Structure formats: structure tokens, C-alpha cells
Amino acid sequence: MNSRFFAVVLALLVSAPVWALSLNEAMSALPAAKSAGQLGEQPNGYLGVVSASGSAAEIAKQINQARREEYQRLAEENGIQLRDVESIAGKKALDRTPAGQYILLNDVWMKK
């Protein structure tokens, strides 16, 4: 699997206008929640709640549900395990997280 493959996956997650409004709202709120230190990326490919304030938990829930569905689709399409897709996506998300935002490493939230 290459980085172009995951760029397509992330683009689909960001630009899917056919998804429910609540997911669209969560996607719109994600950058601010990450910048505020409420949410961070985890090695398992999913968002985690760093600081449970505002609507952080709901944002994470909506986006993680969409990610899981997409990861499952990719796993089935490529004949690989879900956990492998999650792991690859998690590594990409950690690598792409800008400095100053949170990532989970060794079960500890830290600013990158």
C-alpha cells in the first residue's frame, strides 16, 4: 500500500458530501478541536479524546465511525485484515499531524 492510496482514503473522509450532516459538522469542527488540544491521532488509525471538553467526544465518535467503515471497505477490497488497514492509517495520521497537535505514543498523549 502506498501513500497515494491513503491520500485517497483521507480525501474521501474529508469530502464526502453524501454523509449525514452530523458527520459533516464533525469534519468541519475537527481542525479547531485538534488545534485546541481536545482531540489527537492514535496509532490505531482513530481519533482519541485528549481533553473531554466541548463536543470533542461526539466529533471523535462520528469521525471514527466513518473511518472504521472506510477501513473495513478497504480491508475487504484488498483482502487484508482490518487491523492492518487501521495500523497503516494510524502511522500515516501520526506522521501527518502538524507540530503542536496531540498524538498518542506509548499510551501517553503528547504534543508533536
PDB file of N, CA and C in Angstrom:
ATOM      1  N   MET A   1       0.839  -1.171   0.000  1.00  0.00           N
ATOM      2  CA  MET A   1       0.000   0.000   0.000  1.00  0.00           C
ATOM      3  C   MET A   1       0.885   1.235   0.000  1.00  0.00           C
ATOM      4  N   ASN A   2       0.509   2.197  -0.765  1.00  0.00           N
ATOM      5  CA  ASN A   2       1.346   3.374  -0.868  1.00  0.00           C
ATOM      6  C   ASN A   2       0.655   4.594  -0.287  1.00  0.00           C
ATOM      7  N   SER A   3       1.415   5.687  -0.231  1.00  0.00           N
ATOM      8  CA  SER A   3       0.867   6.905   0.367  1.00  0.00           C
ATOM      9  C   SER A   3      -0.248   7.501  -0.480  1.00  0.00           C
ATOM     10  N   ARG A   4      -0.217   7.292  -1.793  1.00  0.00           N
ATOM     11  CA  ARG A   4      -1.287   7.800  -2.647  1.00  0.00           C
ATOM     12  C   ARG A   4      -2.612   7.137  -2.287  1.00  0.00           C
ATOM     13  N   PHE A   5      -2.563   5.859  -1.986  1.00  0.00           N
ATOM     14  CA  PHE A   5      -3.746   5.104  -1.583  1.00  0.00           C
ATOM     15  C   PHE A   5      -4.393   5.734  -0.352  1.00  0.00           C
ATOM     16  N   PHE A   6      -3.584   6.068   0.638  1.00  0.00           N
ATOM     17  CA  PHE A   6      -4.135   6.653   1.861  1.00  0.00           C
ATOM     18  C   PHE A   6      -4.513   8.112   1.677  1.00  0.00           C
ATOM     19  N   ALA A   7      -3.878   8.800   0.752  1.00  0.00           N
ATOM     20  CA  ALA A   7      -4.310  10.163   0.440  1.00  0.00           C
ATOM     21  C   ALA A   7      -5.724  10.133  -0.108  1.00  0.00           C
ATOM     22  N   VAL A   8      -6.020   9.125  -0.933  1.00  0.00           N
ATOM     23  CA  VAL A   8      -7.371   8.974  -1.478  1.00  0.00           C
ATOM     24  C   VAL A   8      -8.350   8.674  -0.353  1.00  0.00           C
ATOM     25  N   VAL A   9      -7.961   7.808   0.568  1.00  0.00           N
ATOM     26  CA  VAL A   9      -8.829   7.462   1.701  1.00  0.00           C
ATOM     27  C   VAL A   9      -9.148   8.709   2.518  1.00  0.00           C
ATOM     28  N   LEU A  10      -8.120   9.483   2.837  1.00  0.00           N
ATOM     29  CA  LEU A  10      -8.354  10.677   3.644  1.00  0.00           C
ATOM     30  C   LEU A  10      -9.179  11.707   2.885  1.00  0.00           C
ATOM     31  N   ALA A  11      -8.962  11.814   1.579  1.00  0.00           N
ATOM     32  CA  ALA A  11      -9.766  12.739   0.778  1.00  0.00           C
ATOM     33  C   ALA A  11     -11.229  12.325   0.799  1.00  0.00           C
ATOM     34  N   LEU A  12     -11.485  11.035   0.728  1.00  0.00           N
ATOM     35  CA  LEU A  12     -12.864  10.557   0.786  1.00  0.00           C
ATOM     36  C   LEU A  12     -13.508  10.899   2.121  1.00  0.00           C
ATOM     37  N   LEU A  13     -12.749  10.760   3.186  1.00  0.00           N
ATOM     38  CA  LEU A  13     -13.293  11.055   4.507  1.00  0.00           C
ATOM     39  C   LEU A  13     -13.606  12.543   4.661  1.00  0.00           C
ATOM     40  N   VAL A  14     -12.794  13.375   4.064  1.00  0.00           N
ATOM     41  CA  VAL A  14     -12.964  14.818   4.200  1.00  0.00           C
ATOM     42  C   VAL A  14     -14.037  15.369   3.265  1.00  0.00           C
ATOM     43  N   SER A  15     -14.182  14.780   2.076  1.00  0.00           N
ATOM     44  CA  SER A  15     -15.027  15.403   1.061  1.00  0.00           C
ATOM     45  C   SER A  15     -16.314  14.652   0.748  1.00  0.00           C
ATOM     46  N   ALA A  16     -16.771  13.833   1.633  1.00  0.00           N
ATOM     47  CA  ALA A  16     -17.961  13.029   1.352  1.00  0.00           C
ATOM     48  C   ALA A  16     -19.247  13.796   1.643  1.00  0.00           C
ATOM     49  N   PRO A  17     -19.788  14.525   0.674  1.00  0.00           N
ATOM     50  CA  PRO A  17     -20.971  15.332   0.925  1.00  0.00           C
ATOM     51  C   PRO A  17     -22.255  14.528   1.112  1.00  0.00           C
ATOM     52  N   VAL A  18     -22.249  13.251   0.754  1.00  0.00           N
ATOM     53  CA  VAL A  18     -23.451  12.444   0.868  1.00  0.00           C
ATOM     54  C   VAL A  18     -23.661  11.906   2.275  1.00  0.00           C
ATOM     55  N   TRP A  19     -22.677  12.062   3.164  1.00  0.00           N
ATOM     56  CA  TRP A  19     -22.818  11.557   4.522  1.00  0.00           C
ATOM     57  C   TRP A  19     -23.716  12.466   5.332  1.00  0.00           C
ATOM     58  N   ALA A  20     -24.151  11.949   6.432  1.00  0.00           N
ATOM     59  CA  ALA A  20     -25.073  12.677   7.308  1.00  0.00           C
ATOM     60  C   ALA A  20     -24.486  14.012   7.738  1.00  0.00           C
ATOM     61  N   LEU A  21     -25.365  14.931   7.967  1.00  0.00           N
ATOM     62  CA  LEU A  21     -24.961  16.273   8.378  1.00  0.00           C
ATOM     63  C   LEU A  21     -24.105  16.228   9.635  1.00  0.00           C
ATOM     64  N   SER A  22     -24.410  15.337  10.545  1.00  0.00           N
ATOM     65  CA  SER A  22     -23.626  15.275  11.777  1.00  0.00           C
ATOM     66  C   SER A  22     -22.169  14.915  11.506  1.00  0.00           C
ATOM     67  N   LEU A  23     -21.922  14.087  10.521  1.00  0.00           N
ATOM     68  CA  LEU A  23     -20.539  13.787  10.147  1.00  0.00           C
ATOM     69  C   LEU A  23     -19.908  15.014   9.503  1.00  0.00           C
ATOM     70  N   ASN A  24     -20.650  15.694   8.650  1.00  0.00           N
ATOM     71  CA  ASN A  24     -20.127  16.919   8.032  1.00  0.00           C
ATOM     72  C   ASN A  24     -19.785  17.956   9.091  1.00  0.00           C
ATOM     73  N   GLU A  25     -20.646  18.090  10.071  1.00  0.00           N
ATOM     74  CA  GLU A  25     -20.377  19.030  11.159  1.00  0.00           C
ATOM     75  C   GLU A  25     -19.130  18.610  11.937  1.00  0.00           C
ATOM     76  N   ALA A  26     -18.995  17.325  12.169  1.00  0.00           N
ATOM     77  CA  ALA A  26     -17.825  16.824  12.887  1.00  0.00           C
ATOM     78  C   ALA A  26     -16.556  17.094  12.091  1.00  0.00           C
ATOM     79  N   MET A  27     -16.605  16.874  10.787  1.00  0.00           N
ATOM     80  CA  MET A  27     -15.434  17.126   9.940  1.00  0.00           C
ATOM     81  C   MET A  27     -15.082  18.613   9.951  1.00  0.00           C
ATOM     82  N   SER A  28     -16.091  19.461   9.948  1.00  0.00           N
ATOM     83  CA  SER A  28     -15.854  20.906   9.986  1.00  0.00           C
ATOM     84  C   SER A  28     -15.253  21.339  11.318  1.00  0.00           C
ATOM     85  N   ALA A  29     -15.662  20.694  12.394  1.00  0.00           N
ATOM     86  CA  ALA A  29     -15.191  21.055  13.726  1.00  0.00           C
ATOM     87  C   ALA A  29     -13.842  20.425  14.075  1.00  0.00           C
ATOM     88  N   LEU A  30     -13.419  19.427  13.324  1.00  0.00           N
ATOM     89  CA  LEU A  30     -12.195  18.687  13.654  1.00  0.00           C
ATOM     90  C   LEU A  30     -10.941  19.560  13.726  1.00  0.00           C
ATOM     91  N   PRO A  31     -10.646  20.392  12.739  1.00  0.00           N
ATOM     92  CA  PRO A  31      -9.404  21.180  12.834  1.00  0.00           C
ATOM     93  C   PRO A  31      -9.323  22.040  14.097  1.00  0.00           C
ATOM     94  N   ALA A  32     -10.427  22.680  14.458  1.00  0.00           N
ATOM     95  CA  ALA A  32     -10.425  23.514  15.656  1.00  0.00           C
ATOM     96  C   ALA A  32     -10.252  22.663  16.916  1.00  0.00           C
ATOM     97  N   ALA A  33     -10.899  21.495  16.951  1.00  0.00           N
ATOM     98  CA  ALA A  33     -10.779  20.613  18.117  1.00  0.00           C
ATOM     99  C   ALA A  33      -9.350  20.097  18.269  1.00  0.00           C
ATOM    100  N   LYS A  34      -8.702  19.802  17.154  1.00  0.00           N
ATOM    101  CA  LYS A  34      -7.307  19.355  17.222  1.00  0.00           C
ATOM    102  C   LYS A  34      -6.398  20.505  17.658  1.00  0.00           C
ATOM    103  N   SER A  35      -6.619  21.686  17.091  1.00  0.00           N
ATOM    104  CA  SER A  35      -5.797  22.849  17.442  1.00  0.00           C
ATOM    105  C   SER A  35      -5.965  23.230  18.908  1.00  0.00           C
ATOM    106  N   ALA A  36      -7.157  23.028  19.448  1.00  0.00           N
ATOM    107  CA  ALA A  36      -7.435  23.349  20.850  1.00  0.00           C
ATOM    108  C   ALA A  36      -6.936  22.266  21.808  1.00  0.00           C
ATOM    109  N   GLY A  37      -6.390  21.182  21.268  1.00  0.00           N
ATOM    110  CA  GLY A  37      -5.879  20.117  22.117  1.00  0.00           C
ATOM    111  C   GLY A  37      -6.948  19.206  22.678  1.00  0.00           C
ATOM    112  N   GLN A  38      -8.130  19.217  22.082  1.00  0.00           N
ATOM    113  CA  GLN A  38      -9.213  18.349  22.549  1.00  0.00           C
ATOM    114  C   GLN A  38      -9.125  16.953  21.956  1.00  0.00           C
ATOM    115  N   LEU A  39      -8.650  16.843  20.711  1.00  0.00           N
ATOM    116  CA  LEU A  39      -8.555  15.564  20.006  1.00  0.00           C
ATOM    117  C   LEU A  39      -7.148  15.362  19.470  1.00  0.00           C
ATOM    118  N   GLY A  40      -6.784  14.095  19.355  1.00  0.00           N
ATOM    119  CA  GLY A  40      -5.484  13.760  18.792  1.00  0.00           C
ATOM    120  C   GLY A  40      -5.565  12.456  18.023  1.00  0.00           C
ATOM    121  N   GLU A  41      -4.523  12.198  17.253  1.00  0.00           N
ATOM    122  CA  GLU A  41      -4.447  10.982  16.456  1.00  0.00           C
ATOM    123  C   GLU A  41      -3.789   9.865  17.256  1.00  0.00           C
ATOM    124  N   GLN A  42      -4.267   8.651  17.026  1.00  0.00           N
ATOM    125  CA  GLN A  42      -3.750   7.469  17.708  1.00  0.00           C
ATOM    126  C   GLN A  42      -3.127   6.511  16.696  1.00  0.00           C
ATOM    127  N   PRO A  43      -2.215   5.656  17.145  1.00  0.00           N
ATOM    128  CA  PRO A  43      -1.578   4.698  16.240  1.00  0.00           C
ATOM    129  C   PRO A  43      -2.540   3.682  15.638  1.00  0.00           C
ATOM    130  N   ASN A  44      -3.742   3.565  16.200  1.00  0.00           N
ATOM    131  CA  ASN A  44      -4.706   2.587  15.683  1.00  0.00           C
ATOM    132  C   ASN A  44      -5.564   3.146  14.551  1.00  0.00           C
ATOM    133  N   GLY A  45      -5.264   4.379  14.107  1.00  0.00           N
ATOM    134  CA  GLY A  45      -5.991   4.952  12.983  1.00  0.00           C
ATOM    135  C   GLY A  45      -7.238   5.729  13.362  1.00  0.00           C
ATOM    136  N   TYR A  46      -7.483   5.880  14.634  1.00  0.00           N
ATOM    137  CA  TYR A  46      -8.682   6.566  15.096  1.00  0.00           C
ATOM    138  C   TYR A  46      -8.322   7.782  15.935  1.00  0.00           C
ATOM    139  N   LEU A  47      -9.266   8.706  16.038  1.00  0.00           N
ATOM    140  CA  LEU A  47      -9.098   9.874  16.896  1.00  0.00           C
ATOM    141  C   LEU A  47      -9.293   9.469  18.344  1.00  0.00           C
ATOM    142  N   GLY A  48      -8.605  10.154  19.214  1.00  0.00           N
ATOM    143  CA  GLY A  48      -8.803   9.964  20.640  1.00  0.00           C
ATOM    144  C   GLY A  48      -9.103  11.290  21.297  1.00  0.00           C
ATOM    145  N   VAL A  49      -9.808  11.240  22.411  1.00  0.00           N
ATOM    146  CA  VAL A  49     -10.144  12.445  23.162  1.00  0.00           C
ATOM    147  C   VAL A  49      -9.003  12.732  24.140  1.00  0.00           C
ATOM    148  N   VAL A  50      -8.365  13.866  23.936  1.00  0.00           N
ATOM    149  CA  VAL A  50      -7.278  14.304  24.813  1.00  0.00           C
ATOM    150  C   VAL A  50      -7.859  15.060  25.994  1.00  0.00           C
ATOM    151  N   SER A  51      -8.790  15.957  25.707  1.00  0.00           N
ATOM    152  CA  SER A  51      -9.437  16.776  26.725  1.00  0.00           C
ATOM    153  C   SER A  51     -10.939  16.781  26.442  1.00  0.00           C
ATOM    154  N   ALA A  52     -11.688  16.169  27.334  1.00  0.00           N
ATOM    155  CA  ALA A  52     -13.128  16.000  27.114  1.00  0.00           C
ATOM    156  C   ALA A  52     -13.880  17.299  27.383  1.00  0.00           C
ATOM    157  N   SER A  53     -13.705  18.249  26.488  1.00  0.00           N
ATOM    158  CA  SER A  53     -14.449  19.493  26.622  1.00  0.00           C
ATOM    159  C   SER A  53     -15.187  19.768  25.317  1.00  0.00           C
ATOM    160  N   GLY A  54     -16.187  20.593  25.408  1.00  0.00           N
ATOM    161  CA  GLY A  54     -16.968  20.901  24.213  1.00  0.00           C
ATOM    162  C   GLY A  54     -17.592  19.638  23.648  1.00  0.00           C
ATOM    163  N   SER A  55     -17.551  19.518  22.338  1.00  0.00           N
ATOM    164  CA  SER A  55     -18.146  18.361  21.667  1.00  0.00           C
ATOM    165  C   SER A  55     -17.087  17.387  21.174  1.00  0.00           C
ATOM    166  N   ALA A  56     -15.934  17.369  21.834  1.00  0.00           N
ATOM    167  CA  ALA A  56     -14.817  16.531  21.405  1.00  0.00           C
ATOM    168  C   ALA A  56     -15.209  15.061  21.261  1.00  0.00           C
ATOM    169  N   ALA A  57     -15.897  14.525  22.242  1.00  0.00           N
ATOM    170  CA  ALA A  57     -16.261  13.107  22.199  1.00  0.00           C
ATOM    171  C   ALA A  57     -17.195  12.804  21.033  1.00  0.00           C
ATOM    172  N   GLU A  58     -18.136  13.685  20.765  1.00  0.00           N
ATOM    173  CA  GLU A  58     -19.072  13.467  19.662  1.00  0.00           C
ATOM    174  C   GLU A  58     -18.372  13.595  18.310  1.00  0.00           C
ATOM    175  N   ILE A  59     -17.453  14.534  18.198  1.00  0.00           N
ATOM    176  CA  ILE A  59     -16.675  14.686  16.962  1.00  0.00           C
ATOM    177  C   ILE A  59     -15.903  13.398  16.702  1.00  0.00           C
ATOM    178  N   ALA A  60     -15.204  12.920  17.729  1.00  0.00           N
ATOM    179  CA  ALA A  60     -14.415  11.686  17.590  1.00  0.00           C
ATOM    180  C   ALA A  60     -15.308  10.505  17.224  1.00  0.00           C
ATOM    181  N   LYS A  61     -16.448  10.406  17.868  1.00  0.00           N
ATOM    182  CA  LYS A  61     -17.363   9.292  17.603  1.00  0.00           C
ATOM    183  C   LYS A  61     -17.804   9.278  16.140  1.00  0.00           C
ATOM    184  N   GLN A  62     -18.241  10.414  15.645  1.00  0.00           N
ATOM    185  CA  GLN A  62     -18.734  10.484  14.263  1.00  0.00           C
ATOM    186  C   GLN A  62     -17.624  10.177  13.256  1.00  0.00           C
ATOM    187  N   ILE A  63     -16.459  10.778  13.452  1.00  0.00           N
ATOM    188  CA  ILE A  63     -15.361  10.581  12.508  1.00  0.00           C
ATOM    189  C   ILE A  63     -14.809   9.165  12.611  1.00  0.00           C
ATOM    190  N   ASN A  64     -14.677   8.642  13.816  1.00  0.00           N
ATOM    191  CA  ASN A  64     -14.173   7.277  13.968  1.00  0.00           C
ATOM    192  C   ASN A  64     -15.110   6.253  13.347  1.00  0.00           C
ATOM    193  N   GLN A  65     -16.400   6.482  13.433  1.00  0.00           N
ATOM    194  CA  GLN A  65     -17.357   5.576  12.795  1.00  0.00           C
ATOM    195  C   GLN A  65     -17.152   5.585  11.274  1.00  0.00           C
ATOM    196  N   ALA A  66     -16.986   6.756  10.698  1.00  0.00           N
ATOM    197  CA  ALA A  66     -16.754   6.858   9.258  1.00  0.00           C
ATOM    198  C   ALA A  66     -15.419   6.225   8.876  1.00  0.00           C
ATOM    199  N   ARG A  67     -14.397   6.452   9.698  1.00  0.00           N
ATOM    200  CA  ARG A  67     -13.092   5.837   9.427  1.00  0.00           C
ATOM    201  C   ARG A  67     -13.207   4.315   9.459  1.00  0.00           C
ATOM    202  N   ARG A  68     -13.865   3.789  10.481  1.00  0.00           N
ATOM    203  CA  ARG A  68     -13.991   2.326  10.602  1.00  0.00           C
ATOM    204  C   ARG A  68     -14.676   1.741   9.370  1.00  0.00           C
ATOM    205  N   GLU A  69     -15.741   2.380   8.916  1.00  0.00           N
ATOM    206  CA  GLU A  69     -16.440   1.895   7.726  1.00  0.00           C
ATOM    207  C   GLU A  69     -15.527   1.911   6.510  1.00  0.00           C
ATOM    208  N   GLU A  70     -14.768   2.971   6.365  1.00  0.00           N
ATOM    209  CA  GLU A  70     -13.851   3.071   5.223  1.00  0.00           C
ATOM    210  C   GLU A  70     -12.710   2.065   5.355  1.00  0.00           C
ATOM    211  N   TYR A  71     -12.150   1.909   6.536  1.00  0.00           N
ATOM    212  CA  TYR A  71     -11.082   0.930   6.753  1.00  0.00           C
ATOM    213  C   TYR A  71     -11.588  -0.483   6.449  1.00  0.00           C
ATOM    214  N   GLN A  72     -12.801  -0.785   6.893  1.00  0.00           N
ATOM    215  CA  GLN A  72     -13.375  -2.111   6.649  1.00  0.00           C
ATOM    216  C   GLN A  72     -13.542  -2.345   5.147  1.00  0.00           C
ATOM    217  N   ARG A  73     -14.037  -1.328   4.448  1.00  0.00           N
ATOM    218  CA  ARG A  73     -14.218  -1.437   3.000  1.00  0.00           C
ATOM    219  C   ARG A  73     -12.869  -1.684   2.320  1.00  0.00           C
ATOM    220  N   LEU A  74     -11.857  -0.944   2.726  1.00  0.00           N
ATOM    221  CA  LEU A  74     -10.530  -1.099   2.137  1.00  0.00           C
ATOM    222  C   LEU A  74      -9.943  -2.472   2.443  1.00  0.00           C
ATOM    223  N   ALA A  75     -10.141  -2.947   3.659  1.00  0.00           N
ATOM    224  CA  ALA A  75      -9.634  -4.265   4.036  1.00  0.00           C
ATOM    225  C   ALA A  75     -10.271  -5.346   3.163  1.00  0.00           C
ATOM    226  N   GLU A  76     -11.589  -5.281   3.029  1.00  0.00           N
ATOM    227  CA  GLU A  76     -12.289  -6.278   2.216  1.00  0.00           C
ATOM    228  C   GLU A  76     -11.887  -6.180   0.749  1.00  0.00           C
ATOM    229  N   GLU A  77     -11.787  -4.966   0.256  1.00  0.00           N
ATOM    230  CA  GLU A  77     -11.434  -4.729  -1.150  1.00  0.00           C
ATOM    231  C   GLU A  77     -10.036  -5.245  -1.480  1.00  0.00           C
ATOM    232  N   ASN A  78      -9.135  -5.175  -0.502  1.00  0.00           N
ATOM    233  CA  ASN A  78      -7.747  -5.558  -0.732  1.00  0.00           C
ATOM    234  C   ASN A  78      -7.372  -6.907  -0.130  1.00  0.00           C
ATOM    235  N   GLY A  79      -8.349  -7.598   0.477  1.00  0.00           N
ATOM    236  CA  GLY A  79      -8.092  -8.916   1.038  1.00  0.00           C
ATOM    237  C   GLY A  79      -7.106  -8.911   2.186  1.00  0.00           C
ATOM    238  N   ILE A  80      -7.175  -7.883   3.030  1.00  0.00           N
ATOM    239  CA  ILE A  80      -6.276  -7.803   4.178  1.00  0.00           C
ATOM    240  C   ILE A  80      -7.105  -7.614   5.447  1.00  0.00           C
ATOM    241  N   GLN A  81      -6.448  -7.745   6.573  1.00  0.00           N
ATOM    242  CA  GLN A  81      -7.124  -7.624   7.870  1.00  0.00           C
ATOM    243  C   GLN A  81      -7.428  -6.164   8.191  1.00  0.00           C
ATOM    244  N   LEU A  82      -8.539  -5.936   8.861  1.00  0.00           N
ATOM    245  CA  LEU A  82      -8.921  -4.599   9.296  1.00  0.00           C
ATOM    246  C   LEU A  82      -7.814  -3.981  10.134  1.00  0.00           C
ATOM    247  N   ARG A  83      -7.247  -4.735  11.057  1.00  0.00           N
ATOM    248  CA  ARG A  83      -6.206  -4.194  11.931  1.00  0.00           C
ATOM    249  C   ARG A  83      -4.990  -3.712  11.149  1.00  0.00           C
ATOM    250  N   ASP A  84      -4.718  -4.324   9.989  1.00  0.00           N
ATOM    251  CA  ASP A  84      -3.600  -3.873   9.166  1.00  0.00           C
ATOM    252  C   ASP A  84      -3.901  -2.513   8.534  1.00  0.00           C
ATOM    253  N   VAL A  85      -5.115  -2.338   8.053  1.00  0.00           N
ATOM    254  CA  VAL A  85      -5.520  -1.042   7.498  1.00  0.00           C
ATOM    255  C   VAL A  85      -5.484   0.022   8.596  1.00  0.00           C
ATOM    256  N   GLU A  86      -6.008  -0.310   9.771  1.00  0.00           N
ATOM    257  CA  GLU A  86      -6.010   0.629  10.888  1.00  0.00           C
ATOM    258  C   GLU A  86      -4.578   1.045  11.252  1.00  0.00           C
ATOM    259  N   SER A  87      -3.684   0.080  11.292  1.00  0.00           N
ATOM    260  CA  SER A  87      -2.298   0.359  11.652  1.00  0.00           C
ATOM    261  C   SER A  87      -1.610   1.257  10.629  1.00  0.00           C
ATOM    262  N   ILE A  88      -1.816   0.971   9.366  1.00  0.00           N
ATOM    263  CA  ILE A  88      -1.213   1.789   8.307  1.00  0.00           C
ATOM    264  C   ILE A  88      -1.788   3.203   8.344  1.00  0.00           C
ATOM    265  N   ALA A  89      -3.096   3.304   8.490  1.00  0.00           N
ATOM    266  CA  ALA A  89      -3.739   4.621   8.557  1.00  0.00           C
ATOM    267  C   ALA A  89      -3.269   5.385   9.795  1.00  0.00           C
ATOM    268  N   GLY A  90      -3.113   4.686  10.900  1.00  0.00           N
ATOM    269  CA  GLY A  90      -2.634   5.324  12.122  1.00  0.00           C
ATOM    270  C   GLY A  90      -1.239   5.882  11.970  1.00  0.00           C
ATOM    271  N   LYS A  91      -0.357   5.118  11.360  1.00  0.00           N
ATOM    272  CA  LYS A  91       1.012   5.596  11.134  1.00  0.00           C
ATOM    273  C   LYS A  91       0.995   6.837  10.255  1.00  0.00           C
ATOM    274  N   LYS A  92       0.198   6.815   9.191  1.00  0.00           N
ATOM    275  CA  LYS A  92       0.099   7.973   8.294  1.00  0.00           C
ATOM    276  C   LYS A  92      -0.444   9.188   9.049  1.00  0.00           C
ATOM    277  N   ALA A  93      -1.473   8.976   9.874  1.00  0.00           N
ATOM    278  CA  ALA A  93      -2.072  10.091  10.612  1.00  0.00           C
ATOM    279  C   ALA A  93      -1.075  10.693  11.599  1.00  0.00           C
ATOM    280  N   LEU A  94      -0.317   9.846  12.288  1.00  0.00           N
ATOM    281  CA  LEU A  94       0.690  10.341  13.226  1.00  0.00           C
ATOM    282  C   LEU A  94       1.764  11.126  12.487  1.00  0.00           C
ATOM    283  N   ASP A  95       2.215  10.592  11.371  1.00  0.00           N
ATOM    284  CA  ASP A  95       3.251  11.262  10.582  1.00  0.00           C
ATOM    285  C   ASP A  95       2.783  12.625  10.064  1.00  0.00           C
ATOM    286  N   ARG A  96       1.522  12.718   9.701  1.00  0.00           N
ATOM    287  CA  ARG A  96       0.987  13.944   9.099  1.00  0.00           C
ATOM    288  C   ARG A  96       0.458  14.952  10.107  1.00  0.00           C
ATOM    289  N   THR A  97       0.424  14.584  11.357  1.00  0.00           N
ATOM    290  CA  THR A  97      -0.053  15.517  12.374  1.00  0.00           C
ATOM    291  C   THR A  97       0.937  16.668  12.497  1.00  0.00           C
ATOM    292  N   PRO A  98       0.431  17.897  12.390  1.00  0.00           N
ATOM    293  CA  PRO A  98       1.337  19.052  12.483  1.00  0.00           C
ATOM    294  C   PRO A  98       1.907  19.224  13.894  1.00  0.00           C
ATOM    295  N   ALA A  99       3.044  19.882  13.953  1.00  0.00           N
ATOM    296  CA  ALA A  99       3.659  20.203  15.247  1.00  0.00           C
ATOM    297  C   ALA A  99       2.665  21.003  16.080  1.00  0.00           C
ATOM    298  N   GLY A 100       2.633  20.690  17.369  1.00  0.00           N
ATOM    299  CA  GLY A 100       1.752  21.404  18.281  1.00  0.00           C
ATOM    300  C   GLY A 100       0.427  20.702  18.533  1.00  0.00           C
ATOM    301  N   GLN A 101       0.102  19.710  17.713  1.00  0.00           N
ATOM    302  CA  GLN A 101      -1.120  18.943  17.937  1.00  0.00           C
ATOM    303  C   GLN A 101      -0.759  17.636  18.635  1.00  0.00           C
ATOM    304  N   TYR A 102      -1.785  16.995  19.211  1.00  0.00           N
ATOM    305  CA  TYR A 102      -1.546  15.817  20.034  1.00  0.00           C
ATOM    306  C   TYR A 102      -1.560  14.506  19.248  1.00  0.00           C
ATOM    307  N   ILE A 103      -0.653  13.632  19.675  1.00  0.00           N
ATOM    308  CA  ILE A 103      -0.620  12.252  19.199  1.00  0.00           C
ATOM    309  C   ILE A 103      -0.456  11.348  20.423  1.00  0.00           C
ATOM    310  N   LEU A 104      -0.896  10.126  20.289  1.00  0.00           N
ATOM    311  CA  LEU A 104      -0.774   9.155  21.375  1.00  0.00           C
ATOM    312  C   LEU A 104       0.412   8.243  21.075  1.00  0.00           C
ATOM    313  N   LEU A 105       1.401   8.270  21.949  1.00  0.00           N
ATOM    314  CA  LEU A 105       2.572   7.403  21.823  1.00  0.00           C
ATOM    315  C   LEU A 105       2.800   6.692  23.139  1.00  0.00           C
ATOM    316  N   ASN A 106       2.922   5.378  23.076  1.00  0.00           N
ATOM    317  CA  ASN A 106       3.135   4.572  24.284  1.00  0.00           C
ATOM    318  C   ASN A 106       2.094   4.889  25.353  1.00  0.00           C
ATOM    319  N   ASP A 107       0.836   5.027  24.918  1.00  0.00           N
ATOM    320  CA  ASP A 107      -0.293   5.283  25.811  1.00  0.00           C
ATOM    321  C   ASP A 107      -0.215   6.624  26.544  1.00  0.00           C
ATOM    322  N   VAL A 108       0.547   7.574  26.000  1.00  0.00           N
ATOM    323  CA  VAL A 108       0.665   8.898  26.592  1.00  0.00           C
ATOM    324  C   VAL A 108       0.382   9.945  25.518  1.00  0.00           C
ATOM    325  N   TRP A 109      -0.527  10.876  25.805  1.00  0.00           N
ATOM    326  CA  TRP A 109      -0.788  11.971  24.886  1.00  0.00           C
ATOM    327  C   TRP A 109       0.353  12.973  24.992  1.00  0.00           C
ATOM    328  N   MET A 110       0.888  13.362  23.828  1.00  0.00           N
ATOM    329  CA  MET A 110       1.948  14.349  23.801  1.00  0.00           C
ATOM    330  C   MET A 110       1.813  15.226  22.580  1.00  0.00           C
ATOM    331  N   LYS A 111       2.303  16.457  22.708  1.00  0.00           N
ATOM    332  CA  LYS A 111       2.307  17.350  21.551  1.00  0.00           C
ATOM    333  C   LYS A 111       3.439  16.933  20.642  1.00  0.00           C
ATOM    334  N   LYS A 112       3.128  16.934  19.377  1.00  0.00           N
ATOM    335  CA  LYS A 112       4.138  16.564  18.387  1.00  0.00           C
ATOM    336  C   LYS A 112       5.076  17.742  18.180  1.00  0.00           C
TER     337      LYS A 112
END
